[in-house]
C-alpha atoms as a PDB file:
ATOM      1  CA  MET A   1     128.669 107.088 105.000  1.00  0.00           C
ATOM      2  CA  ALA A   2     128.912 107.693 101.247  1.00  0.00           C
ATOM      3  CA  PRO A   3     132.407 107.240  99.752  1.00  0.00           C
ATOM      4  CA  THR A   4     133.905 110.056  97.711  1.00  0.00           C
ATOM      5  CA  GLY A   5     136.659 110.455  95.142  1.00  0.00           C
ATOM      6  CA  LEU A   6     137.614 108.841  91.858  1.00  0.00           C
ATOM      7  CA  LEU A   7     139.126 105.684  93.346  1.00  0.00           C
ATOM      8  CA  ALA A   8     136.056 105.037  95.493  1.00  0.00           C
ATOM      9  CA  TYR A   9     133.848 105.580  92.448  1.00  0.00           C
ATOM     10  CA  LEU A  10     135.814 103.104  90.323  1.00  0.00           C
ATOM     11  CA  LYS A  11     135.628 100.463  93.057  1.00  0.00           C
ATOM     12  CA  LEU A  12     131.903 101.001  93.415  1.00  0.00           C
ATOM     13  CA  LEU A  13     131.375 100.931  89.646  1.00  0.00           C
ATOM     14  CA  TYR A  14     133.229  97.603  89.449  1.00  0.00           C
ATOM     15  CA  LYS A  15     130.994  96.141  92.174  1.00  0.00           C
ATOM     16  CA  ALA A  16     127.863  97.445  90.473  1.00  0.00           C
ATOM     17  CA  LYS A  17     128.829  96.002  87.108  1.00  0.00           C
ATOM     18  CA  TYR A  18     129.724  92.680  88.710  1.00  0.00           C
ATOM     19  CA  ILE A  19     126.384  92.232  90.467  1.00  0.00           C
ATOM     20  CA  ARG A  20     124.570  93.374  87.321  1.00  0.00           C
ATOM     21  CA  PHE A  21     126.391  90.647  85.387  1.00  0.00           C
ATOM     22  CA  GLN A  22     125.366  88.114  88.021  1.00  0.00           C
ATOM     23  CA  TYR A  23     121.777  89.293  87.813  1.00  0.00           C
ATOM     24  CA  SER A  24     121.737  88.985  84.003  1.00  0.00           C
ATOM     25  CA  ILE A  25     123.143  85.456  84.061  1.00  0.00           C
ATOM     26  CA  ASN A  26     120.791  84.344  86.820  1.00  0.00           C
ATOM     27  CA  TYR A  27     117.792  85.794  85.005  1.00  0.00           C
ATOM     28  CA  LEU A  28     118.764  84.079  81.748  1.00  0.00           C
ATOM     29  CA  LEU A  29     119.143  80.748  83.534  1.00  0.00           C
ATOM     30  CA  ARG A  30     115.761  81.170  85.231  1.00  0.00           C
ATOM     31  CA  VAL A  31     114.098  81.863  81.887  1.00  0.00           C
ATOM     32  CA  ILE A  32     115.776  78.844  80.273  1.00  0.00           C
ATOM     33  CA  THR A  33     114.694  76.567  83.130  1.00  0.00           C
ATOM     34  CA  GLY A  34     111.167  77.962  83.154  1.00  0.00           C
ATOM     35  CA  LYS A  35     111.467  79.495  86.608  1.00  0.00           C
ATOM     36  CA  ALA A  36     111.002  83.029  85.295  1.00  0.00           C
ATOM     37  CA  PRO A  37     108.947  84.339  82.360  1.00  0.00           C
ATOM     38  CA  ALA A  38     110.538  85.978  79.342  1.00  0.00           C
ATOM     39  CA  ARG A  39     110.075  89.711  78.894  1.00  0.00           C
ATOM     40  CA  LEU A  40     106.715  90.857  77.542  1.00  0.00           C
ATOM     41  CA  THR A  41     106.505  92.438  74.112  1.00  0.00           C
ATOM     42  CA  PRO A  42     105.021  95.950  74.413  1.00  0.00           C
ATOM     43  CA  ASN A  43     102.453  97.464  72.089  1.00  0.00           C
ATOM     44  CA  GLN A  44     104.689 100.484  71.739  1.00  0.00           C
ATOM     45  CA  SER A  45     107.971 101.903  73.033  1.00  0.00           C
ATOM     46  CA  PHE A  46     109.186 105.468  73.137  1.00  0.00           C
ATOM     47  CA  THR A  47     111.831 107.571  74.853  1.00  0.00           C
ATOM     48  CA  VAL A  48     111.234 110.660  76.948  1.00  0.00           C
ATOM     49  CA  PRO A  49     114.205 113.085  76.878  1.00  0.00           C
ATOM     50  CA  SER A  50     115.672 113.775  80.293  1.00  0.00           C
ATOM     51  CA  THR A  51     115.411 117.372  81.435  1.00  0.00           C
ATOM     52  CA  LYS A  52     118.544 116.933  83.557  1.00  0.00           C
ATOM     53  CA  SER A  53     121.038 115.334  81.179  1.00  0.00           C
ATOM     54  CA  ARG A  54     121.486 113.974  77.675  1.00  0.00           C
ATOM     55  CA  ARG A  55     120.077 110.586  78.614  1.00  0.00           C
ATOM     56  CA  GLY A  56     116.660 109.389  77.532  1.00  0.00           C
ATOM     57  CA  VAL A  57     114.073 107.527  79.583  1.00  0.00           C
ATOM     58  CA  LYS A  58     112.693 104.427  77.881  1.00  0.00           C
ATOM     59  CA  VAL A  59     109.001 103.636  78.279  1.00  0.00           C
ATOM     60  CA  ASN A  60     107.216 100.454  77.186  1.00  0.00           C
ATOM     61  CA  VAL A  61     103.480 100.809  76.621  1.00  0.00           C
ATOM     62  CA  TYR A  62     100.969  98.003  77.112  1.00  0.00           C
ATOM     63  CA  ARG A  63      97.289  98.506  76.338  1.00  0.00           C
ATOM     64  CA  THR A  64      94.289  96.586  77.577  1.00  0.00           C
ATOM     65  CA  LYS A  65      91.914  95.118  74.981  1.00  0.00           C
ATOM     66  CA  ALA A  66      89.516  97.997  75.507  1.00  0.00           C
ATOM     67  CA  ALA A  67      92.299 100.518  74.931  1.00  0.00           C
ATOM     68  CA  LEU A  68      93.466  98.998  71.641  1.00  0.00           C
ATOM     69  CA  ASN A  69      90.380 100.136  69.752  1.00  0.00           C
ATOM     70  CA  HIS A  70      89.563 103.136  71.904  1.00  0.00           C
ATOM     71  CA  THR A  71      89.485 106.593  70.359  1.00  0.00           C
ATOM     72  CA  GLY A  72      90.411 109.469  72.624  1.00  0.00           C
ATOM     73  CA  PRO A  73      92.390 109.637  75.855  1.00  0.00           C
ATOM     74  CA  VAL A  74      92.691 106.542  78.046  1.00  0.00           C
ATOM     75  CA  ALA A  75      93.414 106.030  81.720  1.00  0.00           C
ATOM     76  CA  VAL A  76      97.103 105.492  82.464  1.00  0.00           C
ATOM     77  CA  HIS A  77      99.047 103.530  85.046  1.00  0.00           C
ATOM     78  CA  LEU A  78     102.775 104.236  85.355  1.00  0.00           C
ATOM     79  CA  THR A  79     104.877 101.527  86.967  1.00  0.00           C
ATOM     80  CA  TRP A  80     108.541 101.318  87.976  1.00  0.00           C
ATOM     81  CA  HIS A  81     110.543  98.132  88.538  1.00  0.00           C
ATOM     82  CA  GLY A  82     112.739  97.202  91.467  1.00  0.00           C
ATOM     83  CA  SER A  83     116.479  97.606  91.088  1.00  0.00           C
ATOM     84  CA  GLY A  84     118.131  98.679  94.320  1.00  0.00           C
ATOM     85  CA  PHE A  85     118.697 101.774  92.159  1.00  0.00           C
ATOM     86  CA  VAL A  86     121.575  99.746  90.650  1.00  0.00           C
ATOM     87  CA  PHE A  87     120.320  96.675  88.742  1.00  0.00           C
ATOM     88  CA  LYS A  88     119.282  97.223  85.140  1.00  0.00           C
ATOM     89  CA  SER A  89     116.128  95.162  85.559  1.00  0.00           C
ATOM     90  CA  PHE A  90     113.750  97.151  83.364  1.00  0.00           C
ATOM     91  CA  GLY A  91     110.951  94.863  82.186  1.00  0.00           C
ATOM     92  CA  GLU A  92     111.130  92.327  85.017  1.00  0.00           C
ATOM     93  CA  ASN A  93     107.543  92.936  86.154  1.00  0.00           C
ATOM     94  CA  GLY A  94     105.956  91.416  83.078  1.00  0.00           C
ATOM     95  CA  VAL A  95     104.025  88.932  85.215  1.00  0.00           C
ATOM     96  CA  PHE A  96     102.261  91.788  86.965  1.00  0.00           C
ATOM     97  CA  ILE A  97     101.589  93.682  83.749  1.00  0.00           C
ATOM     98  CA  LYS A  98     100.231  90.575  82.021  1.00  0.00           C
ATOM     99  CA  TYR A  99      97.942  89.952  84.984  1.00  0.00           C
ATOM    100  CA  LEU A 100      96.554  93.475  84.670  1.00  0.00           C
ATOM    101  CA  LEU A 101      96.046  93.080  80.922  1.00  0.00           C
ATOM    102  CA  ASP A 102      94.191  89.786  81.395  1.00  0.00           C
ATOM    103  CA  HIS A 103      92.132  90.878  84.389  1.00  0.00           C
ATOM    104  CA  PRO A 104      88.389  90.654  83.570  1.00  0.00           C
ATOM    105  CA  ILE A 105      87.704  94.148  84.881  1.00  0.00           C
ATOM    106  CA  LEU A 106      90.697  95.883  83.290  1.00  0.00           C
ATOM    107  CA  SER A 107      90.410  94.079  79.959  1.00  0.00           C
ATOM    108  CA  SER A 108      87.201  96.043  79.365  1.00  0.00           C
ATOM    109  CA  TYR A 109      88.669  99.252  80.820  1.00  0.00           C
ATOM    110  CA  PRO A 110      90.577 101.510  78.377  1.00  0.00           C
ATOM    111  CA  LEU A 111      93.964 101.634  80.102  1.00  0.00           C
ATOM    112  CA  ALA A 112      97.556 102.210  79.021  1.00  0.00           C
ATOM    113  CA  ILE A 113     100.214 100.723  81.284  1.00  0.00           C
ATOM    114  CA  LEU A 114     103.512 102.580  81.027  1.00  0.00           C
ATOM    115  CA  ASP A 115     106.432 100.481  82.223  1.00  0.00           C
ATOM    116  CA  CYS A 116     109.117 103.087  82.846  1.00  0.00           C
ATOM    117  CA  ASP A 117     112.871 102.767  83.067  1.00  0.00           C
ATOM    118  CA  TYR A 118     115.010 105.146  85.153  1.00  0.00           C
ATOM    119  CA  ALA A 119     118.667 105.987  85.708  1.00  0.00           C
ATOM    120  CA  LYS A 120     120.778 103.772  87.970  1.00  0.00           C
ATOM    121  CA  GLY A 121     123.732 104.434  90.224  1.00  0.00           C
ATOM    122  CA  PRO A 122     126.591 104.866  90.498  1.00  0.00           C
ATOM    123  CA  GLU A 123     126.688 106.265  86.944  1.00  0.00           C
ATOM    124  CA  TYR A 124     123.641 108.426  87.702  1.00  0.00           C
ATOM    125  CA  VAL A 125     123.201 109.315  91.353  1.00  0.00           C
ATOM    126  CA  CYS A 126     120.315 110.633  93.421  1.00  0.00           C
ATOM    127  CA  PRO A 127     118.044 112.303  92.384  1.00  0.00           C
ATOM    128  CA  ALA A 128     118.513 110.939  88.841  1.00  0.00           C
ATOM    129  CA  ALA A 129     115.950 108.131  89.218  1.00  0.00           C
ATOM    130  CA  THR A 130     113.186 110.382  90.519  1.00  0.00           C
ATOM    131  CA  ASP A 131     114.127 113.021  87.942  1.00  0.00           C
ATOM    132  CA  ASP A 132     113.521 110.452  85.197  1.00  0.00           C
ATOM    133  CA  ALA A 133     110.243 109.341  86.758  1.00  0.00           C
ATOM    134  CA  ARG A 134     109.082 112.931  87.026  1.00  0.00           C
ATOM    135  CA  ASP A 135     109.987 113.566  83.387  1.00  0.00           C
ATOM    136  CA  VAL A 136     107.769 110.673  82.256  1.00  0.00           C
ATOM    137  CA  LEU A 137     104.929 111.813  84.504  1.00  0.00           C
ATOM    138  CA  GLU A 138     105.192 115.345  83.137  1.00  0.00           C
ATOM    139  CA  TYR A 139     105.122 113.894  79.627  1.00  0.00           C
ATOM    140  CA  VAL A 140     101.822 112.190  80.458  1.00  0.00           C
ATOM    141  CA  PHE A 141     100.253 115.366  81.820  1.00  0.00           C
ATOM    142  CA  MET A 142     101.416 117.330  78.789  1.00  0.00           C
ATOM    143  CA  HIS A 143      99.581 114.933  76.442  1.00  0.00           C
ATOM    144  CA  PRO A 144      95.930 115.007  77.544  1.00  0.00           C
ATOM    145  CA  GLU A 145      94.883 114.103  74.014  1.00  0.00           C
ATOM    146  CA  VAL A 146      96.455 110.667  74.600  1.00  0.00           C
ATOM    147  CA  TYR A 147      96.115 110.136  78.342  1.00  0.00           C
ATOM    148  CA  ASP A 148      93.124 110.944  80.524  1.00  0.00           C
ATOM    149  CA  ILE A 149      94.889 113.030  83.160  1.00  0.00           C
ATOM    150  CA  SER A 150      91.926 112.694  85.502  1.00  0.00           C
ATOM    151  CA  ARG A 151      92.661 108.948  85.750  1.00  0.00           C
ATOM    152  CA  VAL A 152      96.385 108.701  86.485  1.00  0.00           C
ATOM    153  CA  THR A 153      97.686 106.023  88.833  1.00  0.00           C
ATOM    154  CA  LEU A 154     101.218 105.091  89.851  1.00  0.00           C
ATOM    155  CA  GLY A 155     102.875 101.949  91.137  1.00  0.00           C
ATOM    156  CA  GLY A 156     106.105 100.110  91.571  1.00  0.00           C
ATOM    157  CA  PHE A 157     108.149  97.429  93.222  1.00  0.00           C
ATOM    158  CA  SER A 158     110.868  97.957  95.831  1.00  0.00           C
ATOM    159  CA  ALA A 159     112.853 100.954  94.523  1.00  0.00           C
ATOM    160  CA  GLY A 160     109.991 101.528  92.088  1.00  0.00           C
ATOM    161  CA  GLY A 161     107.570 101.524  94.991  1.00  0.00           C
ATOM    162  CA  ALA A 162     109.612 104.276  96.610  1.00  0.00           C
ATOM    163  CA  ILE A 163     109.543 106.258  93.361  1.00  0.00           C
ATOM    164  CA  SER A 164     105.763 105.984  93.004  1.00  0.00           C
ATOM    165  CA  LEU A 165     105.021 106.865  96.639  1.00  0.00           C
ATOM    166  CA  GLY A 166     107.634 109.631  96.660  1.00  0.00           C
ATOM    167  CA  LEU A 167     106.244 111.223  93.514  1.00  0.00           C
ATOM    168  CA  SER A 168     102.686 111.046  94.813  1.00  0.00           C
ATOM    169  CA  VAL A 169     103.430 112.747  98.137  1.00  0.00           C
ATOM    170  CA  THR A 170     105.643 115.362  96.456  1.00  0.00           C
ATOM    171  CA  ILE A 171     102.964 116.218  93.899  1.00  0.00           C
ATOM    172  CA  GLY A 172     100.333 116.307  96.632  1.00  0.00           C
ATOM    173  CA  LYS A 173     102.367 118.940  98.443  1.00  0.00           C
ATOM    174  CA  GLU A 174     102.774 120.923  95.217  1.00  0.00           C
ATOM    175  CA  VAL A 175      98.994 120.953  94.761  1.00  0.00           C
ATOM    176  CA  ARG A 176      98.496 122.034  98.360  1.00  0.00           C
ATOM    177  CA  THR A 177     101.062 124.835  98.106  1.00  0.00           C
ATOM    178  CA  GLY A 178      99.967 126.016  94.653  1.00  0.00           C
ATOM    179  CA  THR A 179     103.116 125.000  92.761  1.00  0.00           C
ATOM    180  CA  TRP A 180     101.597 122.167  90.679  1.00  0.00           C
ATOM    181  CA  SER A 181     101.605 123.371  87.074  1.00  0.00           C
ATOM    182  CA  HIS A 182      98.733 121.359  85.585  1.00  0.00           C
ATOM    183  CA  PRO A 183      94.941 121.625  85.990  1.00  0.00           C
ATOM    184  CA  THR A 184      93.574 119.153  88.504  1.00  0.00           C
ATOM    185  CA  THR A 185      90.564 118.254  90.596  1.00  0.00           C
ATOM    186  CA  GLY A 186      91.818 116.898  93.882  1.00  0.00           C
ATOM    187  CA  HIS A 187      95.047 114.932  94.002  1.00  0.00           C
ATOM    188  CA  PRO A 188      96.429 114.404  90.455  1.00  0.00           C
ATOM    189  CA  ILE A 189      97.421 110.847  91.379  1.00  0.00           C
ATOM    190  CA  LYS A 190      94.304 108.818  92.079  1.00  0.00           C
ATOM    191  CA  THR A 191      95.982 105.808  93.659  1.00  0.00           C
ATOM    192  CA  VAL A 192      99.405 104.242  94.226  1.00  0.00           C
ATOM    193  CA  VAL A 193     100.152 100.504  94.143  1.00  0.00           C
ATOM    194  CA  ALA A 194     103.408  99.780  95.986  1.00  0.00           C
ATOM    195  CA  PHE A 195     104.963  96.356  96.535  1.00  0.00           C
ATOM    196  CA  TYR A 196     107.623  96.035  99.271  1.00  0.00           C
ATOM    197  CA  PRO A 197     108.615  99.714  98.849  1.00  0.00           C
ATOM    198  CA  VAL A 198     111.526 101.608 100.341  1.00  0.00           C
ATOM    199  CA  ALA A 199     109.506 103.789 102.726  1.00  0.00           C
ATOM    200  CA  LYS A 200     112.578 105.267 104.391  1.00  0.00           C
ATOM    201  CA  TRP A 201     116.207 104.970 103.420  1.00  0.00           C
ATOM    202  CA  TRP A 202     118.317 103.496 106.189  1.00  0.00           C
ATOM    203  CA  GLU A 203     121.004 105.980 107.265  1.00  0.00           C
ATOM    204  CA  THR A 204     123.148 103.139 108.580  1.00  0.00           C
ATOM    205  CA  PRO A 205     123.201  99.586 107.198  1.00  0.00           C
ATOM    206  CA  ILE A 206     120.536  97.243 108.574  1.00  0.00           C
ATOM    207  CA  ALA A 207     121.626  93.706 109.387  1.00  0.00           C
ATOM    208  CA  PRO A 208     119.368  91.239 107.561  1.00  0.00           C
ATOM    209  CA  ARG A 209     117.086  89.215 109.825  1.00  0.00           C
ATOM    210  CA  GLU A 210     115.089  86.148 108.987  1.00  0.00           C
ATOM    211  CA  THR A 211     113.344  83.281 110.707  1.00  0.00           C
ATOM    212  CA  ALA A 212     115.367  80.082 110.723  1.00  0.00           C
ATOM    213  CA  GLY A 213     114.485  77.360 108.266  1.00  0.00           C
ATOM    214  CA  LEU A 214     112.749  79.420 105.585  1.00  0.00           C
ATOM    215  CA  ARG A 215     115.022  78.877 102.626  1.00  0.00           C
ATOM    216  CA  GLN A 216     112.340  76.976 100.726  1.00  0.00           C
ATOM    217  CA  TRP A 217     110.350  80.200 100.433  1.00  0.00           C
ATOM    218  CA  LEU A 218     110.678  82.355  97.347  1.00  0.00           C
ATOM    219  CA  GLY A 219     112.237  85.791  97.082  1.00  0.00           C
ATOM    220  CA  GLY A 220     115.403  87.114  98.674  1.00  0.00           C
ATOM    221  CA  MET A 221     116.894  88.718 101.763  1.00  0.00           C
ATOM    222  CA  PHE A 222     119.493  91.339 100.902  1.00  0.00           C
ATOM    223  CA  PRO A 223     122.931  90.696 102.423  1.00  0.00           C
ATOM    224  CA  LYS A 224     124.422  93.621 104.314  1.00  0.00           C
ATOM    225  CA  ASP A 225     127.162  94.095 101.685  1.00  0.00           C
ATOM    226  CA  LEU A 226     124.584  94.332  98.898  1.00  0.00           C
ATOM    227  CA  GLU A 227     122.612  96.935 100.837  1.00  0.00           C
ATOM    228  CA  SER A 228     125.804  99.000 101.119  1.00  0.00           C
ATOM    229  CA  ILE A 229     126.359  98.830  97.358  1.00  0.00           C
ATOM    230  CA  PHE A 230     122.808 100.025  96.755  1.00  0.00           C
ATOM    231  CA  ARG A 231     123.053 102.877  99.217  1.00  0.00           C
ATOM    232  CA  ASN A 232     126.547 104.032  98.261  1.00  0.00           C
ATOM    233  CA  SER A 233     125.842 103.794  94.528  1.00  0.00           C
ATOM    234  CA  TYR A 234     122.679 105.851  94.580  1.00  0.00           C
ATOM    235  CA  PHE A 235     123.943 108.471  97.004  1.00  0.00           C
ATOM    236  CA  PHE A 236     127.499 108.754  95.681  1.00  0.00           C
ATOM    237  CA  THR A 237     128.803 112.285  95.527  1.00  0.00           C
ATOM    238  CA  PRO A 238     127.676 113.902  92.248  1.00  0.00           C
ATOM    239  CA  LYS A 239     131.182 115.193  91.542  1.00  0.00           C
ATOM    240  CA  LEU A 240     134.232 112.966  91.610  1.00  0.00           C
ATOM    241  CA  ASN A 241     136.487 115.800  92.732  1.00  0.00           C
ATOM    242  CA  HIS A 242     134.192 116.757  95.568  1.00  0.00           C
ATOM    243  CA  PRO A 243     135.480 119.739  97.581  1.00  0.00           C
ATOM    244  CA  LYS A 244     133.544 118.729 100.725  1.00  0.00           C
ATOM    245  CA  THR A 245     134.852 116.622 103.579  1.00  0.00           C
ATOM    246  CA  SER A 246     133.384 113.178 104.226  1.00  0.00           C
ATOM    247  CA  GLU A 247     131.452 114.601 107.186  1.00  0.00           C
ATOM    248  CA  GLU A 248     129.953 117.308 104.995  1.00  0.00           C
ATOM    249  CA  ASP A 249     129.059 114.754 102.360  1.00  0.00           C
ATOM    250  CA  ASP A 250     127.409 112.568 104.995  1.00  0.00           C
ATOM    251  CA  ARG A 251     125.175 115.500 105.890  1.00  0.00           C
ATOM    252  CA  ARG A 252     124.317 115.935 102.203  1.00  0.00           C
ATOM    253  CA  VAL A 253     123.354 112.267 101.920  1.00  0.00           C
ATOM    254  CA  ILE A 254     121.257 112.275 105.087  1.00  0.00           C
ATOM    255  CA  ALA A 255     119.436 115.401 103.916  1.00  0.00           C
ATOM    256  CA  LEU A 256     118.545 113.620 100.661  1.00  0.00           C
ATOM    257  CA  MET A 257     117.476 110.468 102.474  1.00  0.00           C
ATOM    258  CA  ARG A 258     115.052 112.473 104.603  1.00  0.00           C
ATOM    259  CA  GLN A 259     113.273 114.101 101.686  1.00  0.00           C
ATOM    260  CA  PRO A 260     109.787 112.600 101.125  1.00  0.00           C
ATOM    261  CA  LEU A 261     110.558 112.290  97.420  1.00  0.00           C
ATOM    262  CA  HIS A 262     113.190 109.669  98.263  1.00  0.00           C
ATOM    263  CA  SER A 263     111.850 108.437 101.616  1.00  0.00           C
ATOM    264  CA  PRO A 264     108.062 108.793 101.385  1.00  0.00           C
ATOM    265  CA  GLY A 265     107.702 107.765 105.011  1.00  0.00           C
ATOM    266  CA  TYR A 266     108.782 111.300 105.924  1.00  0.00           C
ATOM    267  CA  GLY A 267     105.947 112.846 103.905  1.00  0.00           C
ATOM    268  CA  GLU A 268     102.855 114.429 105.415  1.00  0.00           C
ATOM    269  CA  THR A 269      99.818 112.172 105.355  1.00  0.00           C
ATOM    270  CA  LYS A 270      97.603 114.879 103.850  1.00  0.00           C
ATOM    271  CA  ASP A 271      99.774 115.000 100.725  1.00  0.00           C
ATOM    272  CA  PHE A 272      99.251 111.341  99.757  1.00  0.00           C
ATOM    273  CA  PRO A 273      96.367 110.180  97.550  1.00  0.00           C
ATOM    274  CA  ASP A 274      93.271 108.999  99.411  1.00  0.00           C
ATOM    275  CA  ASP A 275      93.634 105.416  98.135  1.00  0.00           C
ATOM    276  CA  ILE A 276      96.871 103.460  98.390  1.00  0.00           C
ATOM    277  CA  VAL A 277      97.817  99.778  98.056  1.00  0.00           C
ATOM    278  CA  ILE A 278     100.835  98.508 100.003  1.00  0.00           C
ATOM    279  CA  TYR A 279     102.081  94.909 100.085  1.00  0.00           C
ATOM    280  CA  THR A 280     105.048  93.901 102.227  1.00  0.00           C
ATOM    281  CA  CYS A 281     106.898  90.641 102.941  1.00  0.00           C
ATOM    282  CA  GLU A 282     107.461  88.895 106.265  1.00  0.00           C
ATOM    283  CA  ASN A 283     111.163  88.319 105.617  1.00  0.00           C
ATOM    284  CA  ASP A 284     112.287  91.676 104.265  1.00  0.00           C
ATOM    285  CA  HIS A 285     114.262  94.423 106.003  1.00  0.00           C
ATOM    286  CA  LEU A 286     112.126  97.038 104.207  1.00  0.00           C
ATOM    287  CA  THR A 287     108.923  95.818 105.851  1.00  0.00           C
ATOM    288  CA  ARG A 288     109.191  97.655 109.173  1.00  0.00           C
ATOM    289  CA  GLU A 289     109.217 101.153 107.682  1.00  0.00           C
ATOM    290  CA  ALA A 290     106.649 100.261 105.011  1.00  0.00           C
ATOM    291  CA  GLU A 291     104.275  98.953 107.691  1.00  0.00           C
ATOM    292  CA  ASN A 292     104.927 102.089 109.742  1.00  0.00           C
ATOM    293  CA  LEU A 293     103.883 104.111 106.709  1.00  0.00           C
ATOM    294  CA  ARG A 294     100.723 102.008 106.330  1.00  0.00           C
ATOM    295  CA  GLN A 295      99.766 102.691 109.960  1.00  0.00           C
ATOM    296  CA  LYS A 296     100.541 106.399 109.604  1.00  0.00           C
ATOM    297  CA  LEU A 297      98.348 106.714 106.505  1.00  0.00           C
ATOM    298  CA  GLN A 298      95.500 104.750 108.057  1.00  0.00           C
ATOM    299  CA  ALA A 299      95.637 106.901 111.181  1.00  0.00           C
ATOM    300  CA  GLY A 300      95.405 109.960 108.925  1.00  0.00           C
ATOM    301  CA  GLY A 301      92.198 108.718 107.295  1.00  0.00           C
ATOM    302  CA  LYS A 302      93.620 107.276 104.086  1.00  0.00           C
ATOM    303  CA  ARG A 303      92.208 104.060 102.623  1.00  0.00           C
ATOM    304  CA  VAL A 304      95.159 101.665 102.565  1.00  0.00           C
ATOM    305  CA  TYR A 305      94.654  98.254 100.985  1.00  0.00           C
ATOM    306  CA  GLY A 306      97.045  95.326 100.917  1.00  0.00           C
ATOM    307  CA  GLU A 307      98.733  93.377 103.665  1.00  0.00           C
ATOM    308  CA  LEU A 308     101.877  91.914 105.146  1.00  0.00           C
ATOM    309  CA  VAL A 309     102.354  88.636 103.258  1.00  0.00           C
ATOM    310  CA  MET A 310     103.609  85.900 105.543  1.00  0.00           C
ATOM    311  CA  GLY A 311     106.129  83.286 104.518  1.00  0.00           C
ATOM    312  CA  VAL A 312     107.806  85.164 101.666  1.00  0.00           C
ATOM    313  CA  TYR A 313     110.893  87.209 100.928  1.00  0.00           C
ATOM    314  CA  HIS A 314     111.473  90.410  98.979  1.00  0.00           C
ATOM    315  CA  SER A 315     110.356  90.105  95.308  1.00  0.00           C
ATOM    316  CA  TRP A 316     108.666  86.756  95.946  1.00  0.00           C
ATOM    317  CA  ASP A 317     105.939  87.526  93.411  1.00  0.00           C
ATOM    318  CA  LEU A 318     108.266  87.547  90.404  1.00  0.00           C
ATOM    319  CA  GLU A 319     108.825  83.788  90.329  1.00  0.00           C
ATOM    320  CA  VAL A 320     106.180  82.101  92.464  1.00  0.00           C
ATOM    321  CA  ARG A 321     104.227  79.377  90.649  1.00  0.00           C
ATOM    322  CA  PRO A 322     101.053  77.389  91.359  1.00  0.00           C
ATOM    323  CA  GLY A 323     101.594  75.214  94.408  1.00  0.00           C
ATOM    324  CA  ASP A 324     104.391  77.361  95.841  1.00  0.00           C
ATOM    325  CA  VAL A 325     104.128  79.128  99.167  1.00  0.00           C
ATOM    326  CA  GLY A 326     102.924  82.635  98.378  1.00  0.00           C
ATOM    327  CA  TYR A 327     101.227  81.892  95.051  1.00  0.00           C
ATOM    328  CA  VAL A 328      97.681  82.380  96.332  1.00  0.00           C
ATOM    329  CA  GLU A 329      98.810  85.552  98.093  1.00  0.00           C
ATOM    330  CA  ARG A 330     100.430  86.829  94.884  1.00  0.00           C
ATOM    331  CA  GLN A 331      97.240  86.295  92.908  1.00  0.00           C
ATOM    332  CA  LYS A 332      95.200  88.050  95.570  1.00  0.00           C
ATOM    333  CA  ALA A 333      97.646  90.971  95.702  1.00  0.00           C
ATOM    334  CA  TYR A 334      97.570  91.414  91.935  1.00  0.00           C
ATOM    335  CA  ASP A 335      93.759  91.191  91.942  1.00  0.00           C
ATOM    336  CA  VAL A 336      93.518  93.924  94.588  1.00  0.00           C
ATOM    337  CA  SER A 337      95.949  96.050  92.554  1.00  0.00           C
ATOM    338  CA  ALA A 338      93.877  95.660  89.370  1.00  0.00           C
ATOM    339  CA  LYS A 339      90.672  96.570  91.195  1.00  0.00           C
ATOM    340  CA  ALA A 340      92.308  99.605  92.828  1.00  0.00           C
ATOM    341  CA  ILE A 341      93.471 100.884  89.431  1.00  0.00           C
ATOM    342  CA  ALA A 342      89.990 100.367  87.948  1.00  0.00           C
ATOM    343  CA  ARG A 343      88.283 101.961  90.927  1.00  0.00           C
ATOM    344  CA  ALA A 344      90.563 104.998  90.658  1.00  0.00           C
ATOM    345  CA  GLY A 345      89.191 105.457  87.152  1.00  0.00           C
ATOM    346  CA  GLY A 346      85.583 105.400  88.255  1.00  0.00           C
ATOM    347  CA  VAL A 347      84.767 101.709  87.845  1.00  0.00           C
ATOM    348  CA  GLN A 348      82.364 100.527  90.548  1.00  0.00           C
ATOM    349  CA  VAL A 349      84.186  97.625  92.168  1.00  0.00           C
ATOM    350  CA  ASP A 350      84.736  96.410  95.710  1.00  0.00           C
ATOM    351  CA  ILE A 351      88.296  95.844  96.895  1.00  0.00           C
END
């Protein structure tokens, strides 16, 4: 399943760098033509040292109007971008962040939004991304003078959705088993907002499927080859001169894929927060497992908001504009997300 050895790594690294270059050029062209917004300017940026390597984890901080002049700790929402665990797309969710900042409920709610980067494969392999996310979350909980740790919410898109859900269910289990190291009342994560998340890693490649005649709709359907690059990059053997056989390494990869931290769909329902938002796309190979997770959580008594958005592809919300298919649905999804974040902090609002 996962290739091993120096030659395989160099081939994979070449592919990763090539598709990253394509992504960068395409993004630049979309910005120039007005099809994509430019990156937002944060109120503050800082770097959290990694506890696993010499790398640092960059964090951009955006504050609502109420938070700019607020004295004392503020509520905090941590969000992670989509990337396939390969693309260096940190900052691409500015549209979502700007919507939260401008939302009439959140603008009067003292909130810091932490847009968090994380390590990408194949240079940094699993569990590097979740290690980085955990380091930032630990940073937040170790600074209660800055962040109100009773009002912590998480969220993300695609790979970032997997990170946020995986962290929440992992921390929930730590609380339940007495291994969580910070004071808490109930689940430390009050809600999770996940857009088209990776609920379960596919152990074998999934052939992309789509309804004929939908190319006018926004977003994308991952080709099978691209899925393989994502999977092989993130789960590449951590040592180039790996002593294990390919069969042994396959077992290592499958064991990682089945951990709730990386595939939250394997987590126990009782370990998730009580309130969760999940949005999925009709034409997206990740939808089946994400919808299975929604049903599992609902059956377990969790309040799960969001819906399956018809007529759109993966990441449709990043570029949709007024008049496009999916624009009204994007606005509704972002509105529900803003209200869920506010409600998690004690604001009385219906979702």
